């Protein structure tokens, strides 16, 4: 795995952890959580394609 892809995976996992934690604590609704996860997934796909 390249350094950029490794960084992207780490960023994705950090964002996913943050989204799940905020959702579990009631700080965001399901639509907002899915939107943030979708954005993080898109970023990961872009990094993989490069």
C-alpha atoms as a PDB file:
ATOM      1  CA  UNK A   1       0.000   0.000   0.000  1.00  0.00           C
ATOM      2  CA  UNK A   2       1.321   3.438  -0.865  1.00  0.00           C
ATOM      3  CA  UNK A   3       1.778   6.098   1.781  1.00  0.00           C
ATOM      4  CA  UNK A   4      -1.073   8.154   0.281  1.00  0.00           C
ATOM      5  CA  UNK A   5      -3.432   5.194   0.276  1.00  0.00           C
ATOM      6  CA  UNK A   6      -2.369   4.255   3.790  1.00  0.00           C
ATOM      7  CA  UNK A   7      -3.091   7.835   4.896  1.00  0.00           C
ATOM      8  CA  UNK A   8      -6.488   7.713   3.169  1.00  0.00           C
ATOM      9  CA  UNK A   9      -7.399   4.447   4.908  1.00  0.00           C
ATOM     10  CA  UNK A  10      -6.369   5.912   8.265  1.00  0.00           C
ATOM     11  CA  UNK A  11      -8.403   9.069   7.597  1.00  0.00           C
ATOM     12  CA  UNK A  12     -11.417   6.976   6.602  1.00  0.00           C
ATOM     13  CA  UNK A  13     -11.233   4.829   9.711  1.00  0.00           C
ATOM     14  CA  UNK A  14     -10.834   7.900  11.929  1.00  0.00           C
ATOM     15  CA  UNK A  15     -13.848   9.572  10.291  1.00  0.00           C
ATOM     16  CA  UNK A  16     -15.932   6.395  10.545  1.00  0.00           C
ATOM     17  CA  UNK A  17     -15.078   6.060  14.243  1.00  0.00           C
ATOM     18  CA  UNK A  18     -16.018   9.716  14.820  1.00  0.00           C
ATOM     19  CA  UNK A  19     -19.315   9.350  12.961  1.00  0.00           C
ATOM     20  CA  UNK A  20     -20.290   6.219  14.895  1.00  0.00           C
ATOM     21  CA  UNK A  21     -19.352   7.819  18.207  1.00  0.00           C
ATOM     22  CA  UNK A  22     -21.307  11.010  17.486  1.00  0.00           C
ATOM     23  CA  UNK A  23     -24.315   8.998  16.287  1.00  0.00           C
ATOM     24  CA  UNK A  24     -24.228   6.727  19.354  1.00  0.00           C
ATOM     25  CA  UNK A  25     -24.094   9.764  21.629  1.00  0.00           C
ATOM     26  CA  UNK A  26     -27.102  11.279  19.860  1.00  0.00           C
ATOM     27  CA  UNK A  27     -25.182  14.216  18.377  1.00  0.00           C
ATOM     28  CA  UNK A  28     -26.281  13.470  14.806  1.00  0.00           C
ATOM     29  CA  UNK A  29     -29.179  11.803  13.049  1.00  0.00           C
ATOM     30  CA  UNK A  30     -28.937   8.855  10.684  1.00  0.00           C
ATOM     31  CA  UNK A  31     -29.104  10.977   7.519  1.00  0.00           C
ATOM     32  CA  UNK A  32     -26.188  13.139   8.628  1.00  0.00           C
ATOM     33  CA  UNK A  33     -24.184  10.071   9.651  1.00  0.00           C
ATOM     34  CA  UNK A  34     -24.747   8.399   6.297  1.00  0.00           C
ATOM     35  CA  UNK A  35     -23.841  11.584   4.451  1.00  0.00           C
ATOM     36  CA  UNK A  36     -20.533  11.891   6.318  1.00  0.00           C
ATOM     37  CA  UNK A  37     -19.745   8.214   5.751  1.00  0.00           C
ATOM     38  CA  UNK A  38     -20.599   8.534   2.056  1.00  0.00           C
ATOM     39  CA  UNK A  39     -18.221  11.484   1.759  1.00  0.00           C
ATOM     40  CA  UNK A  40     -15.462   9.540   3.531  1.00  0.00           C
ATOM     41  CA  UNK A  41     -16.032   6.558   1.235  1.00  0.00           C
ATOM     42  CA  UNK A  42     -15.809   8.819  -1.826  1.00  0.00           C
ATOM     43  CA  UNK A  43     -12.501  10.205  -0.553  1.00  0.00           C
ATOM     44  CA  UNK A  44     -11.199   6.675  -0.048  1.00  0.00           C
ATOM     45  CA  UNK A  45     -12.231   5.666  -3.571  1.00  0.00           C
ATOM     46  CA  UNK A  46     -10.452   8.707  -5.008  1.00  0.00           C
ATOM     47  CA  UNK A  47      -7.266   7.873  -3.127  1.00  0.00           C
ATOM     48  CA  UNK A  48      -7.434   4.274  -4.341  1.00  0.00           C
ATOM     49  CA  UNK A  49      -7.848   5.347  -7.953  1.00  0.00           C
ATOM     50  CA  UNK A  50      -4.757   7.596  -7.855  1.00  0.00           C
END
